[in-house]
């Protein structure tokens, strides 16, 4: 059974690599538009879109026999007071974003989709992240490191932003970008038993 991760995210790749899972990378070529749905619905739809796009392309190109291929798609979004907070466009945007989150609680929602020619499973995970109060000067210093710019919400919990996090409720790996417990629960439905790849 071959596993493909439909993501260019180095964080998702690192999570799977750390678990010893063998996989290939193949990136979806398009992003679905928002259609007025709730954030958890959009995250699931986006994850499914990514996984299905890669599966269909590989099937058309005959890269693998269809019974040998499983594709994982994921999409992570940050939500504060019902509004989606994307990736910052520039330093000012990142500073404003992080100042908004400081001292408050927000949600990180990841949609996860696992698809093959025989089966499709889509779900999501939500983690509450509690930021501590941090001075604007400290936020500016953090932003100058460049770490916020390719991350939803403008921070990396596993990186330099760790001291800004007071505590979380839920799956830590979900905040990094891939809800590990949820993913492996789904993979078991595809016949991939936990640690069978070791």
Protein backbone atom coordinates (compact mmCIF):
# COMPACT_ATOMS: atom_id res chain seq x y z
CA UNK A 1 0.00 0.00 0.00
CA UNK A 2 1.48 3.34 -1.06
CA UNK A 3 0.64 6.50 0.88
CA UNK A 4 0.76 9.95 -0.68
CA UNK A 5 0.63 13.19 1.30
CA UNK A 6 -1.16 15.84 -0.75
CA UNK A 7 0.69 18.72 0.92
CA UNK A 8 3.84 20.76 0.49
CA UNK A 9 3.80 21.71 4.20
CA UNK A 10 7.17 20.89 5.76
CA UNK A 11 5.46 20.59 9.13
CA UNK A 12 3.05 17.88 7.95
CA UNK A 13 5.90 16.07 6.25
CA UNK A 14 7.98 16.21 9.43
CA UNK A 15 5.16 14.79 11.54
CA UNK A 16 4.77 11.75 9.26
CA UNK A 17 8.53 11.29 8.99
CA UNK A 18 8.93 11.41 12.78
CA UNK A 19 6.41 8.57 13.03
CA UNK A 20 8.43 6.48 10.59
CA UNK A 21 5.63 6.36 8.01
CA UNK A 22 6.81 5.91 4.43
CA UNK A 23 5.05 8.27 2.03
CA UNK A 24 5.40 10.27 -1.15
CA UNK A 25 4.55 13.94 -1.65
CA UNK A 26 2.27 15.17 -4.42
CA UNK A 27 0.72 18.61 -4.26
CA UNK A 28 -2.78 19.65 -5.25
CA UNK A 29 -2.71 22.26 -8.01
CA UNK A 30 -5.73 24.29 -6.87
CA UNK A 31 -7.45 25.60 -3.74
CA UNK A 32 -11.22 25.52 -3.25
CA UNK A 33 -12.98 28.85 -2.75
CA UNK A 34 -14.91 29.70 0.40
CA UNK A 35 -18.62 29.16 -0.14
CA UNK A 36 -20.11 30.58 3.04
CA UNK A 37 -19.83 27.37 5.02
CA UNK A 38 -18.69 27.05 8.63
CA UNK A 39 -14.90 26.88 9.17
CA UNK A 40 -14.94 23.16 10.05
CA UNK A 41 -16.91 22.42 6.87
CA UNK A 42 -14.52 24.41 4.72
CA UNK A 43 -11.47 22.74 6.27
CA UNK A 44 -12.94 19.30 5.51
CA UNK A 45 -13.95 20.26 1.97
CA UNK A 46 -10.52 21.71 1.28
CA UNK A 47 -8.73 18.63 2.66
CA UNK A 48 -10.95 16.37 0.53
CA UNK A 49 -10.38 18.52 -2.56
CA UNK A 50 -6.60 18.25 -2.15
CA UNK A 51 -6.61 14.49 -1.60
CA UNK A 52 -9.08 13.78 -4.41
CA UNK A 53 -7.20 16.01 -6.87
CA UNK A 54 -3.97 14.10 -6.29
CA UNK A 55 -5.69 10.70 -6.41
CA UNK A 56 -7.48 11.50 -9.68
CA UNK A 57 -4.33 12.86 -11.31
CA UNK A 58 -2.33 9.78 -10.34
CA UNK A 59 -5.05 7.46 -11.59
CA UNK A 60 -5.24 9.30 -14.93
CA UNK A 61 -1.48 9.07 -15.29
CA UNK A 62 -1.44 5.40 -14.33
CA UNK A 63 1.24 5.97 -11.70
CA UNK A 64 -0.06 3.22 -9.41
CA UNK A 65 -2.63 0.48 -9.57
CA UNK A 66 -5.72 1.86 -7.95
CA UNK A 67 -5.87 -0.69 -5.15
CA UNK A 68 -2.37 0.27 -4.01
CA UNK A 69 -2.85 4.00 -3.42
CA UNK A 70 -4.05 6.03 -0.42
CA UNK A 71 -3.90 9.84 -0.45
CA UNK A 72 -3.96 12.06 2.65
CA UNK A 73 -5.17 15.65 2.39
CA UNK A 74 -5.27 18.26 5.15
CA UNK A 75 -6.20 21.89 5.60
CA UNK A 76 -5.64 23.91 8.77
CA UNK A 77 -7.33 27.19 9.62
CA UNK A 78 -7.28 29.49 12.63
CA UNK A 79 -10.57 30.93 13.89
CA UNK A 80 -11.02 33.76 16.39
CA UNK A 81 -14.48 35.03 17.35
CA UNK A 82 -15.99 33.31 14.33
CA UNK A 83 -13.58 34.88 11.84
CA UNK A 84 -10.92 32.97 9.93
CA UNK A 85 -7.40 34.27 10.38
CA UNK A 86 -5.22 33.34 7.42
CA UNK A 87 -1.51 33.67 6.81
CA UNK A 88 -0.06 37.16 7.29
CA UNK A 89 0.82 39.09 4.13
CA UNK A 90 3.52 41.28 5.67
CA UNK A 91 5.08 42.30 9.00
CA UNK A 92 2.32 44.77 9.90
CA UNK A 93 -0.32 42.14 9.18
CA UNK A 94 1.51 39.58 11.36
CA UNK A 95 1.88 42.04 14.25
CA UNK A 96 -1.80 42.98 14.11
CA UNK A 97 -2.81 39.31 13.93
CA UNK A 98 -0.72 38.29 16.93
CA UNK A 99 -1.75 41.31 19.00
CA UNK A 100 -5.36 40.26 18.40
CA UNK A 101 -4.68 36.72 19.63
CA UNK A 102 -2.64 37.65 22.72
CA UNK A 103 -4.37 37.09 26.03
CA UNK A 104 -7.25 35.32 24.31
CA UNK A 105 -8.39 31.91 23.13
CA UNK A 106 -8.77 30.87 19.51
CA UNK A 107 -9.48 27.63 17.66
CA UNK A 108 -7.27 25.73 15.26
CA UNK A 109 -9.33 23.52 12.96
CA UNK A 110 -7.81 20.94 10.64
CA UNK A 111 -9.81 19.09 8.05
CA UNK A 112 -8.40 15.66 7.26
CA UNK A 113 -9.29 13.49 4.27
CA UNK A 114 -8.02 10.04 3.37
CA UNK A 115 -9.09 8.72 -0.01
CA UNK A 116 -8.50 5.69 -2.19
CA UNK A 117 -10.39 4.33 -5.15
CA UNK A 118 -12.40 2.10 -2.81
CA UNK A 119 -12.99 4.33 0.20
CA UNK A 120 -13.18 7.95 1.35
CA UNK A 121 -13.06 9.25 4.92
CA UNK A 122 -13.29 12.94 5.88
CA UNK A 123 -13.23 14.42 9.38
CA UNK A 124 -11.87 17.35 11.34
CA UNK A 125 -10.16 18.16 14.62
CA UNK A 126 -10.49 21.32 16.69
CA UNK A 127 -7.96 22.48 19.29
CA UNK A 128 -8.37 25.48 21.57
CA UNK A 129 -5.20 27.56 21.93
CA UNK A 130 -4.84 29.98 24.84
CA UNK A 131 -2.30 32.76 24.21
CA UNK A 132 -0.72 34.54 27.15
CA UNK A 133 -0.36 38.31 27.26
CA UNK A 134 2.74 39.36 25.33
CA UNK A 135 4.01 42.88 24.77
CA UNK A 136 3.80 44.41 21.32
CA UNK A 137 7.59 44.82 21.37
CA UNK A 138 8.04 41.09 21.94
CA UNK A 139 5.61 40.38 19.10
CA UNK A 140 7.57 42.67 16.78
CA UNK A 141 10.79 40.86 17.65
CA UNK A 142 9.10 37.53 16.92
CA UNK A 143 7.72 38.75 13.61
CA UNK A 144 11.19 39.96 12.54
CA UNK A 145 12.40 36.34 12.69
CA UNK A 146 10.24 35.61 9.63
CA UNK A 147 8.62 32.57 11.25
CA UNK A 148 4.98 33.78 11.01
CA UNK A 149 4.75 34.21 7.26
CA UNK A 150 3.72 30.80 5.95
CA UNK A 151 1.53 29.85 8.87
CA UNK A 152 -2.18 30.23 9.54
CA UNK A 153 -2.60 32.58 12.48
CA UNK A 154 0.94 33.86 12.04
CA UNK A 155 2.69 31.60 14.54
CA UNK A 156 4.37 28.20 14.92
CA UNK A 157 3.53 26.47 18.20
CA UNK A 158 6.46 24.11 17.68
CA UNK A 159 8.86 26.98 17.02
CA UNK A 160 9.72 30.35 18.49
CA UNK A 161 6.08 31.06 19.34
CA UNK A 162 6.00 28.32 21.99
CA UNK A 163 6.54 30.75 24.93
CA UNK A 164 3.48 32.76 23.81
CA UNK A 165 1.19 29.77 24.34
CA UNK A 166 -0.28 29.49 27.83
CA UNK A 167 -1.96 26.12 27.22
CA UNK A 168 -3.99 24.19 24.68
CA UNK A 169 -7.07 21.98 24.85
CA UNK A 170 -6.86 19.16 22.33
CA UNK A 171 -4.38 17.66 19.90
CA UNK A 172 -1.03 19.49 19.83
CA UNK A 173 -0.22 18.10 16.38
CA UNK A 174 -3.45 19.56 15.07
CA UNK A 175 -2.05 23.02 15.82
CA UNK A 176 1.16 22.09 14.00
CA UNK A 177 -0.97 21.13 10.98
CA UNK A 178 -1.87 17.44 11.07
CA UNK A 179 -4.16 15.84 13.70
CA UNK A 180 -2.20 12.66 14.30
CA UNK A 181 -4.65 10.71 16.47
CA UNK A 182 -7.52 11.42 14.07
CA UNK A 183 -5.40 10.54 11.02
CA UNK A 184 -4.31 7.16 12.35
CA UNK A 185 -7.83 6.32 13.48
CA UNK A 186 -8.89 6.90 9.86
CA UNK A 187 -5.94 4.96 8.41
CA UNK A 188 -7.00 1.91 10.45
CA UNK A 189 -10.24 1.92 8.44
CA UNK A 190 -8.06 1.52 5.34
CA UNK A 191 -6.34 -1.53 6.83
CA UNK A 192 -3.22 0.27 8.02
CA UNK A 193 -2.79 -0.83 11.62
CA UNK A 194 -0.90 1.39 14.04
CA UNK A 195 2.88 0.81 13.81
CA UNK A 196 2.47 -1.91 11.18
CA UNK A 197 4.94 0.05 9.03
CA UNK A 198 7.78 -0.18 11.59
